[in-house]
PDB file of N, CA and C in Angstrom:
ATOM      1  N   MET A   1     -99.093 -92.074   9.958  1.00  0.00           N
ATOM      2  CA  MET A   1     -99.304 -91.379   8.788  1.00  0.00           C
ATOM      3  C   MET A   1    -100.381 -89.889   8.774  1.00  0.00           C
ATOM      4  N   SER A   2     -99.751 -88.849   9.156  1.00  0.00           N
ATOM      5  CA  SER A   2    -100.163 -87.606   9.756  1.00  0.00           C
ATOM      6  C   SER A   2    -100.210 -86.600   8.998  1.00  0.00           C
ATOM      7  N   THR A   3    -101.424 -86.179   7.904  1.00  0.00           N
ATOM      8  CA  THR A   3    -101.535 -85.416   6.933  1.00  0.00           C
ATOM      9  C   THR A   3    -102.637 -84.515   7.535  1.00  0.00           C
ATOM     10  N   PRO A   4    -102.083 -83.512   6.761  1.00  0.00           N
ATOM     11  CA  PRO A   4    -103.350 -82.178   7.543  1.00  0.00           C
ATOM     12  C   PRO A   4    -104.957 -83.306   6.257  1.00  0.00           C
ATOM     13  N   VAL A   5    -104.999 -84.225   5.128  1.00  0.00           N
ATOM     14  CA  VAL A   5    -105.797 -84.654   4.715  1.00  0.00           C
ATOM     15  C   VAL A   5    -106.542 -85.685   6.147  1.00  0.00           C
ATOM     16  N   ARG A   6    -105.609 -86.378   7.090  1.00  0.00           N
ATOM     17  CA  ARG A   6    -105.988 -87.342   7.596  1.00  0.00           C
ATOM     18  C   ARG A   6    -106.630 -86.205   8.835  1.00  0.00           C
ATOM     19  N   ALA A   7    -106.277 -85.286   9.080  1.00  0.00           N
ATOM     20  CA  ALA A   7    -106.778 -84.166  10.852  1.00  0.00           C
ATOM     21  C   ALA A   7    -107.353 -84.016   9.748  1.00  0.00           C
ATOM     22  N   PHE A   8    -108.236 -83.850   8.632  1.00  0.00           N
ATOM     23  CA  PHE A   8    -109.426 -83.296   7.986  1.00  0.00           C
ATOM     24  C   PHE A   8    -110.588 -84.158   8.426  1.00  0.00           C
ATOM     25  N   VAL A   9    -110.000 -85.806   8.066  1.00  0.00           N
ATOM     26  CA  VAL A   9    -110.939 -86.616   8.249  1.00  0.00           C
ATOM     27  C   VAL A   9    -111.395 -86.839   9.849  1.00  0.00           C
ATOM     28  N   VAL A  10    -110.570 -87.045  10.110  1.00  0.00           N
ATOM     29  CA  VAL A  10    -110.499 -87.493  11.568  1.00  0.00           C
ATOM     30  C   VAL A  10    -111.720 -86.640  12.295  1.00  0.00           C
ATOM     31  N   ASN A  11    -111.046 -84.890  11.941  1.00  0.00           N
ATOM     32  CA  ASN A  11    -111.992 -84.064  12.762  1.00  0.00           C
ATOM     33  C   ASN A  11    -113.028 -83.710  12.372  1.00  0.00           C
ATOM     34  N   THR A  12    -113.712 -84.343  10.401  1.00  0.00           N
ATOM     35  CA  THR A  12    -115.004 -84.220   9.986  1.00  0.00           C
ATOM     36  C   THR A  12    -116.017 -85.419  10.959  1.00  0.00           C
ATOM     37  N   LEU A  13    -115.281 -86.871  11.083  1.00  0.00           N
ATOM     38  CA  LEU A  13    -115.700 -87.561  11.645  1.00  0.00           C
ATOM     39  C   LEU A  13    -116.045 -87.164  13.145  1.00  0.00           C
ATOM     40  N   GLU A  14    -115.225 -86.594  13.956  1.00  0.00           N
ATOM     41  CA  GLU A  14    -115.578 -85.884  15.361  1.00  0.00           C
ATOM     42  C   GLU A  14    -116.758 -84.957  15.223  1.00  0.00           C
ATOM     43  N   ALA A  15    -117.077 -84.005  14.565  1.00  0.00           N
ATOM     44  CA  ALA A  15    -117.949 -83.126  14.216  1.00  0.00           C
ATOM     45  C   ALA A  15    -118.994 -83.988  13.793  1.00  0.00           C
ATOM     46  N   MET A  16    -119.106 -84.726  13.304  1.00  0.00           N
ATOM     47  CA  MET A  16    -120.397 -86.149  12.821  1.00  0.00           C
ATOM     48  C   MET A  16    -120.999 -87.047  14.204  1.00  0.00           C
ATOM     49  N   ASN A  17    -120.158 -86.319  15.428  1.00  0.00           N
ATOM     50  CA  ASN A  17    -120.585 -87.344  16.722  1.00  0.00           C
ATOM     51  C   ASN A  17    -119.758 -88.424  16.982  1.00  0.00           C
ATOM     52  N   LEU A  18    -118.699 -88.970  16.030  1.00  0.00           N
ATOM     53  CA  LEU A  18    -118.195 -90.610  16.000  1.00  0.00           C
ATOM     54  C   LEU A  18    -117.104 -90.664  17.252  1.00  0.00           C
ATOM     55  N   ASP A  19    -116.846 -91.981  17.690  1.00  0.00           N
ATOM     56  CA  ASP A  19    -116.171 -91.194  18.697  1.00  0.00           C
ATOM     57  C   ASP A  19    -114.695 -91.630  17.716  1.00  0.00           C
ATOM     58  N   THR A  20    -113.792 -90.949  17.344  1.00  0.00           N
ATOM     59  CA  THR A  20    -112.328 -91.054  17.126  1.00  0.00           C
ATOM     60  C   THR A  20    -111.294 -91.445  17.973  1.00  0.00           C
ATOM     61  N   SER A  21    -111.499 -91.951  19.099  1.00  0.00           N
ATOM     62  CA  SER A  21    -110.043 -91.802  20.214  1.00  0.00           C
ATOM     63  C   SER A  21    -109.067 -92.988  19.942  1.00  0.00           C
ATOM     64  N   ASP A  22    -110.012 -93.964  19.114  1.00  0.00           N
ATOM     65  CA  ASP A  22    -109.144 -95.541  18.840  1.00  0.00           C
ATOM     66  C   ASP A  22    -108.556 -95.624  17.656  1.00  0.00           C
ATOM     67  N   VAL A  23    -109.098 -94.426  16.983  1.00  0.00           N
ATOM     68  CA  VAL A  23    -108.824 -94.295  15.463  1.00  0.00           C
ATOM     69  C   VAL A  23    -107.476 -94.429  14.572  1.00  0.00           C
ATOM     70  N   THR A  24    -107.207 -95.353  13.977  1.00  0.00           N
ATOM     71  CA  THR A  24    -105.364 -94.993  13.076  1.00  0.00           C
ATOM     72  C   THR A  24    -105.714 -95.871  11.882  1.00  0.00           C
ATOM     73  N   ASP A  25    -104.730 -95.338  10.820  1.00  0.00           N
ATOM     74  CA  ASP A  25    -104.862 -95.658   9.953  1.00  0.00           C
ATOM     75  C   ASP A  25    -105.515 -97.106   9.443  1.00  0.00           C
ATOM     76  N   SER A  26    -105.084 -98.083  10.182  1.00  0.00           N
ATOM     77  CA  SER A  26    -105.764 -99.866  10.050  1.00  0.00           C
ATOM     78  C   SER A  26    -107.117 -99.583  10.226  1.00  0.00           C
ATOM     79  N   THR A  27    -108.158 -98.845  11.034  1.00  0.00           N
ATOM     80  CA  THR A  27    -109.831 -98.606  11.124  1.00  0.00           C
ATOM     81  C   THR A  27    -110.243 -98.776   9.773  1.00  0.00           C
ATOM     82  N   PRO A  28    -111.365 -99.876   9.571  1.00  0.00           N
ATOM     83  CA  PRO A  28    -111.556 -99.875   8.478  1.00  0.00           C
ATOM     84  C   PRO A  28    -113.508 -98.927   9.215  1.00  0.00           C
ATOM     85  N   ILE A  29    -113.216 -98.140   7.846  1.00  0.00           N
ATOM     86  CA  ILE A  29    -114.062 -97.423   7.756  1.00  0.00           C
ATOM     87  C   ILE A  29    -115.800 -98.102   8.149  1.00  0.00           C
ATOM     88  N   GLY A  30    -116.414 -99.311   7.584  1.00  0.00           N
ATOM     89  CA  GLY A  30    -117.028 -99.984   8.030  1.00  0.00           C
ATOM     90  C   GLY A  30    -116.924-100.821   8.749  1.00  0.00           C
ATOM     91  N   ASP A  31    -117.335-102.428   8.430  1.00  0.00           N
ATOM     92  CA  ASP A  31    -117.606-103.317   9.247  1.00  0.00           C
ATOM     93  C   ASP A  31    -116.833-103.655  10.146  1.00  0.00           C
ATOM     94  N   GLY A  32    -116.394-103.549  11.620  1.00  0.00           N
ATOM     95  CA  GLY A  32    -115.713-103.910  12.319  1.00  0.00           C
ATOM     96  C   GLY A  32    -114.474-102.438  12.551  1.00  0.00           C
ATOM     97  N   GLY A  33    -115.136-101.885  12.102  1.00  0.00           N
ATOM     98  CA  GLY A  33    -114.156-100.422  12.727  1.00  0.00           C
ATOM     99  C   GLY A  33    -115.066 -99.415  13.212  1.00  0.00           C
ATOM    100  N   MET A  34    -115.233 -98.336  11.960  1.00  0.00           N
ATOM    101  CA  MET A  34    -116.104 -96.863  12.555  1.00  0.00           C
ATOM    102  C   MET A  34    -117.301 -97.437  12.452  1.00  0.00           C
ATOM    103  N   GLU A  35    -117.540 -98.179  11.563  1.00  0.00           N
ATOM    104  CA  GLU A  35    -119.220 -98.679  11.636  1.00  0.00           C
ATOM    105  C   GLU A  35    -120.173 -97.705  11.252  1.00  0.00           C
ATOM    106  N   LEU A  36    -119.311 -97.023   9.913  1.00  0.00           N
ATOM    107  CA  LEU A  36    -119.984 -95.990   9.245  1.00  0.00           C
ATOM    108  C   LEU A  36    -121.114 -96.462   8.382  1.00  0.00           C
ATOM    109  N   GLU A  37    -122.063 -96.136   7.956  1.00  0.00           N
ATOM    110  CA  GLU A  37    -123.199 -96.398   7.263  1.00  0.00           C
ATOM    111  C   GLU A  37    -122.898 -95.652   5.897  1.00  0.00           C
ATOM    112  N   SER A  38    -123.749 -96.455   4.860  1.00  0.00           N
ATOM    113  CA  SER A  38    -123.388 -95.522   3.863  1.00  0.00           C
ATOM    114  C   SER A  38    -123.990 -93.891   3.797  1.00  0.00           C
ATOM    115  N   LEU A  39    -124.734 -93.805   4.402  1.00  0.00           N
ATOM    116  CA  LEU A  39    -125.238 -91.954   4.481  1.00  0.00           C
ATOM    117  C   LEU A  39    -124.125 -90.593   5.518  1.00  0.00           C
ATOM    118  N   THR A  40    -123.699 -91.793   6.047  1.00  0.00           N
ATOM    119  CA  THR A  40    -123.125 -91.392   7.256  1.00  0.00           C
ATOM    120  C   THR A  40    -121.219 -90.900   5.665  1.00  0.00           C
ATOM    121  N   THR A  41    -120.907 -92.220   5.321  1.00  0.00           N
ATOM    122  CA  THR A  41    -120.152 -92.805   4.562  1.00  0.00           C
ATOM    123  C   THR A  41    -119.833 -91.260   3.165  1.00  0.00           C
ATOM    124  N   ALA A  42    -121.445 -91.256   3.039  1.00  0.00           N
ATOM    125  CA  ALA A  42    -121.734 -89.675   1.869  1.00  0.00           C
ATOM    126  C   ALA A  42    -121.379 -88.601   2.480  1.00  0.00           C
ATOM    127  N   GLU A  43    -121.887 -88.694   3.772  1.00  0.00           N
ATOM    128  CA  GLU A  43    -121.361 -87.102   4.252  1.00  0.00           C
ATOM    129  C   GLU A  43    -119.848 -87.012   3.875  1.00  0.00           C
ATOM    130  N   LEU A  44    -119.113 -87.673   4.890  1.00  0.00           N
ATOM    131  CA  LEU A  44    -117.812 -87.458   4.813  1.00  0.00           C
ATOM    132  C   LEU A  44    -117.237 -87.459   3.405  1.00  0.00           C
ATOM    133  N   VAL A  45    -117.889 -87.995   2.463  1.00  0.00           N
ATOM    134  CA  VAL A  45    -117.589 -87.836   1.384  1.00  0.00           C
ATOM    135  C   VAL A  45    -117.449 -86.397   0.995  1.00  0.00           C
ATOM    136  N   MET A  46    -118.769 -85.986   0.604  1.00  0.00           N
ATOM    137  CA  MET A  46    -119.132 -84.183   0.759  1.00  0.00           C
ATOM    138  C   MET A  46    -118.304 -83.888   1.338  1.00  0.00           C
ATOM    139  N   GLN A  47    -117.847 -83.491   2.864  1.00  0.00           N
ATOM    140  CA  GLN A  47    -116.851 -82.777   3.473  1.00  0.00           C
ATOM    141  C   GLN A  47    -116.449 -83.101   2.537  1.00  0.00           C
ATOM    142  N   VAL A  48    -115.326 -83.817   2.187  1.00  0.00           N
ATOM    143  CA  VAL A  48    -113.632 -84.100   2.112  1.00  0.00           C
ATOM    144  C   VAL A  48    -113.669 -83.169   0.594  1.00  0.00           C
ATOM    145  N   GLU A  49    -114.974 -83.551  -0.731  1.00  0.00           N
ATOM    146  CA  GLU A  49    -115.101 -83.031  -2.008  1.00  0.00           C
ATOM    147  C   GLU A  49    -115.019 -81.777  -2.300  1.00  0.00           C
ATOM    148  N   GLU A  50    -115.793 -80.883  -0.682  1.00  0.00           N
ATOM    149  CA  GLU A  50    -116.145 -79.213  -0.622  1.00  0.00           C
ATOM    150  C   GLU A  50    -114.724 -78.991  -0.546  1.00  0.00           C
ATOM    151  N   GLU A  51    -113.974 -79.555   1.331  1.00  0.00           N
ATOM    152  CA  GLU A  51    -112.560 -78.797   1.258  1.00  0.00           C
ATOM    153  C   GLU A  51    -111.854 -79.341   0.277  1.00  0.00           C
ATOM    154  N   TYR A  52    -111.654 -80.264  -0.218  1.00  0.00           N
ATOM    155  CA  TYR A  52    -110.383 -80.504  -1.068  1.00  0.00           C
ATOM    156  C   TYR A  52    -110.819 -80.227  -2.811  1.00  0.00           C
ATOM    157  N   GLY A  53    -111.845 -79.897  -2.976  1.00  0.00           N
ATOM    158  CA  GLY A  53    -111.826 -80.017  -4.621  1.00  0.00           C
ATOM    159  C   GLY A  53    -111.646 -81.199  -5.600  1.00  0.00           C
ATOM    160  N   VAL A  54    -111.937 -82.228  -4.930  1.00  0.00           N
ATOM    161  CA  VAL A  54    -111.646 -83.501  -5.360  1.00  0.00           C
ATOM    162  C   VAL A  54    -113.037 -84.675  -5.865  1.00  0.00           C
ATOM    163  N   LYS A  55    -113.463 -84.617  -6.818  1.00  0.00           N
ATOM    164  CA  LYS A  55    -114.854 -85.774  -6.761  1.00  0.00           C
ATOM    165  C   LYS A  55    -114.542 -88.082  -6.379  1.00  0.00           C
ATOM    166  N   PHE A  56    -115.946 -87.984  -6.222  1.00  0.00           N
ATOM    167  CA  PHE A  56    -116.395 -89.328  -5.803  1.00  0.00           C
ATOM    168  C   PHE A  56    -117.131 -89.671  -6.166  1.00  0.00           C
ATOM    169  N   SER A  57    -117.287 -90.239  -7.469  1.00  0.00           N
ATOM    170  CA  SER A  57    -118.740 -91.370  -8.030  1.00  0.00           C
ATOM    171  C   SER A  57    -119.463 -91.906  -6.743  1.00  0.00           C
ATOM    172  N   ASP A  58    -120.441 -92.477  -6.933  1.00  0.00           N
ATOM    173  CA  ASP A  58    -121.513 -93.227  -6.417  1.00  0.00           C
ATOM    174  C   ASP A  58    -120.892 -94.307  -6.121  1.00  0.00           C
ATOM    175  N   ASP A  59    -120.299 -95.050  -6.819  1.00  0.00           N
ATOM    176  CA  ASP A  59    -119.783 -96.809  -7.018  1.00  0.00           C
ATOM    177  C   ASP A  59    -118.601 -96.049  -6.072  1.00  0.00           C
ATOM    178  N   ASP A  60    -117.585 -94.801  -6.203  1.00  0.00           N
ATOM    179  CA  ASP A  60    -116.494 -94.981  -5.132  1.00  0.00           C
ATOM    180  C   ASP A  60    -117.114 -95.047  -3.984  1.00  0.00           C
ATOM    181  N   VAL A  61    -118.469 -94.390  -3.509  1.00  0.00           N
ATOM    182  CA  VAL A  61    -118.474 -94.486  -1.977  1.00  0.00           C
ATOM    183  C   VAL A  61    -118.830 -95.739  -1.125  1.00  0.00           C
ATOM    184  N   GLU A  62    -119.337 -96.027  -2.122  1.00  0.00           N
ATOM    185  CA  GLU A  62    -120.160 -97.689  -1.635  1.00  0.00           C
ATOM    186  C   GLU A  62    -118.879 -99.060  -2.003  1.00  0.00           C
ATOM    187  N   GLY A  63    -117.799 -98.685  -2.389  1.00  0.00           N
ATOM    188  CA  GLY A  63    -116.465 -99.731  -2.125  1.00  0.00           C
ATOM    189  C   GLY A  63    -116.037 -98.460  -0.830  1.00  0.00           C
ATOM    190  N   MET A  64    -116.506 -97.456  -0.766  1.00  0.00           N
ATOM    191  CA  MET A  64    -115.036 -97.283   0.486  1.00  0.00           C
ATOM    192  C   MET A  64    -115.972 -97.871   1.860  1.00  0.00           C
ATOM    193  N   GLN A  65    -117.194 -99.028   1.963  1.00  0.00           N
ATOM    194  CA  GLN A  65    -117.467 -99.029   3.087  1.00  0.00           C
ATOM    195  C   GLN A  65    -116.174-100.403   3.537  1.00  0.00           C
ATOM    196  N   THR A  66    -115.374-101.125   2.311  1.00  0.00           N
ATOM    197  CA  THR A  66    -114.454-101.853   2.446  1.00  0.00           C
ATOM    198  C   THR A  66    -113.071-101.117   3.187  1.00  0.00           C
ATOM    199  N   MET A  67    -112.544-100.088   3.175  1.00  0.00           N
ATOM    200  CA  MET A  67    -111.764 -98.851   3.318  1.00  0.00           C
ATOM    201  C   MET A  67    -111.287 -99.420   4.437  1.00  0.00           C
ATOM    202  N   THR A  68    -109.878 -98.589   4.663  1.00  0.00           N
ATOM    203  CA  THR A  68    -109.729 -98.407   6.099  1.00  0.00           C
ATOM    204  C   THR A  68    -109.633 -96.878   6.146  1.00  0.00           C
ATOM    205  N   VAL A  69    -109.640 -96.160   7.137  1.00  0.00           N
ATOM    206  CA  VAL A  69    -109.158 -94.956   7.355  1.00  0.00           C
ATOM    207  C   VAL A  69    -107.726 -94.427   6.340  1.00  0.00           C
ATOM    208  N   GLY A  70    -106.897 -94.907   7.000  1.00  0.00           N
ATOM    209  CA  GLY A  70    -105.768 -94.463   5.863  1.00  0.00           C
ATOM    210  C   GLY A  70    -105.399 -94.750   4.523  1.00  0.00           C
ATOM    211  N   ASP A  71    -106.800 -96.019   3.952  1.00  0.00           N
ATOM    212  CA  ASP A  71    -107.207 -96.168   2.197  1.00  0.00           C
ATOM    213  C   ASP A  71    -107.708 -95.194   2.040  1.00  0.00           C
ATOM    214  N   PHE A  72    -108.488 -94.541   2.933  1.00  0.00           N
ATOM    215  CA  PHE A  72    -109.600 -93.440   2.725  1.00  0.00           C
ATOM    216  C   PHE A  72    -108.864 -92.184   2.115  1.00  0.00           C
ATOM    217  N   VAL A  73    -107.631 -91.645   2.937  1.00  0.00           N
ATOM    218  CA  VAL A  73    -107.104 -90.820   3.234  1.00  0.00           C
ATOM    219  C   VAL A  73    -106.382 -90.602   1.858  1.00  0.00           C
ATOM    220  N   ALA A  74    -105.357 -91.962   1.734  1.00  0.00           N
ATOM    221  CA  ALA A  74    -104.714 -92.261   0.799  1.00  0.00           C
ATOM    222  C   ALA A  74    -105.341 -91.842  -0.498  1.00  0.00           C
ATOM    223  N   GLU A  75    -106.312 -92.377  -0.823  1.00  0.00           N
ATOM    224  CA  GLU A  75    -107.033 -92.136  -2.001  1.00  0.00           C
ATOM    225  C   GLU A  75    -107.622 -90.759  -2.400  1.00  0.00           C
ATOM    226  N   VAL A  76    -107.858 -89.919  -1.152  1.00  0.00           N
ATOM    227  CA  VAL A  76    -108.190 -88.267  -0.912  1.00  0.00           C
ATOM    228  C   VAL A  76    -106.873 -87.567  -1.691  1.00  0.00           C
ATOM    229  N   GLU A  77    -105.833 -88.044  -1.096  1.00  0.00           N
ATOM    230  CA  GLU A  77    -104.195 -87.261  -1.190  1.00  0.00           C
ATOM    231  C   GLU A  77    -104.140 -88.174  -2.992  1.00  0.00           C
ATOM    232  N   ARG A  78    -104.060 -88.746  -3.323  1.00  0.00           N
ATOM    233  CA  ARG A  78    -103.986 -88.880  -4.799  1.00  0.00           C
ATOM    234  C   ARG A  78    -104.979 -88.706  -5.696  1.00  0.00           C
ATOM    235  N   ARG A  79    -105.925 -88.020  -5.409  1.00  0.00           N
ATOM    236  CA  ARG A  79    -106.829 -87.875  -6.612  1.00  0.00           C
ATOM    237  C   ARG A  79    -106.323 -86.361  -6.094  1.00  0.00           C
ATOM    238  N   LEU A  80    -105.969 -85.589  -5.004  1.00  0.00           N
ATOM    239  CA  LEU A  80    -105.735 -83.999  -5.482  1.00  0.00           C
ATOM    240  C   LEU A  80    -104.081 -83.923  -6.161  1.00  0.00           C
ATOM    241  N   THR A  81    -103.664 -85.076  -6.162  1.00  0.00           N
ATOM    242  CA  THR A  81    -102.667 -84.953  -6.618  1.00  0.00           C
ATOM    243  C   THR A  81    -102.988 -85.043  -8.382  1.00  0.00           C
ATOM    244  N   GLN A  82    -103.912 -85.828  -8.836  1.00  0.00           N
ATOM    245  CA  GLN A  82    -104.270 -86.101  -9.809  1.00  0.00           C
ATOM    246  C   GLN A  82    -104.704 -84.639 -10.023  1.00  0.00           C
ATOM    247  N   VAL A  83    -105.970 -84.146  -9.463  1.00  0.00           N
ATOM    248  CA  VAL A  83    -106.585 -82.323  -9.167  1.00  0.00           C
ATOM    249  C   VAL A  83    -105.022 -81.841 -10.252  1.00  0.00           C
ATOM    250  N   ALA A  84    -104.277 -81.723  -9.083  1.00  0.00           N
ATOM    251  CA  ALA A  84    -103.361 -80.896  -9.330  1.00  0.00           C
ATOM    252  C   ALA A  84    -102.134 -80.382 -11.017  1.00  0.00           C
ATOM    253  N   ALA A  85    -102.077 -81.968 -11.000  1.00  0.00           N
ATOM    254  CA  ALA A  85    -101.780 -82.327 -12.398  1.00  0.00           C
ATOM    255  C   ALA A  85    -102.177 -82.126 -13.376  1.00  0.00           C
ATOM    256  N   GLU A  86    -103.682 -81.904 -13.385  1.00  0.00           N
ATOM    257  CA  GLU A  86    -104.818 -81.578 -14.380  1.00  0.00           C
ATOM    258  C   GLU A  86    -104.330 -79.934 -14.482  1.00  0.00           C
ATOM    259  N   ALA A  87    -104.498 -79.235 -13.528  1.00  0.00           N
ATOM    260  CA  ALA A  87    -104.673 -77.494 -13.555  1.00  0.00           C
ATOM    261  C   ALA A  87    -103.673 -77.478 -13.831  1.00  0.00           C
ATOM    262  N   GLY A  88    -101.990 -78.165 -14.173  1.00  0.00           N
ATOM    263  CA  GLY A  88    -100.564 -77.664 -13.993  1.00  0.00           C
ATOM    264  C   GLY A  88    -100.847 -77.866 -15.670  1.00  0.00           C
ATOM    265  N   SER A  89    -101.410 -78.949 -16.031  1.00  0.00           N
ATOM    266  CA  SER A  89    -101.296 -79.284 -17.508  1.00  0.00           C
ATOM    267  C   SER A  89    -102.451 -78.532 -18.542  1.00  0.00           C
ATOM    268  N   ALA A  90    -103.200 -77.875 -17.826  1.00  0.00           N
ATOM    269  CA  ALA A  90    -103.923 -77.038 -18.958  1.00  0.00           C
ATOM    270  C   ALA A  90    -103.455 -75.925 -18.646  1.00  0.00           C
TER     271      ALA A  90
END
């Protein structure tokens, strides 16, 4: 999966000085993959929220530790679609 959202996520991780050379959509965000700690995950989410205007709750962020990179990108894209649909019906 190669989308603008995925590119933004990977570029953001790189900007946070994380090694993304082996990252695929099936790479876990937490244990056994990127090994992102909760603060790092929160920083990634804040960058995504700022860039795309989507929102995640604290509970959402905690649950991301069990997601893969592909899951996270798909969730951001789902929320983008939802925001666009809500804006269109307003």
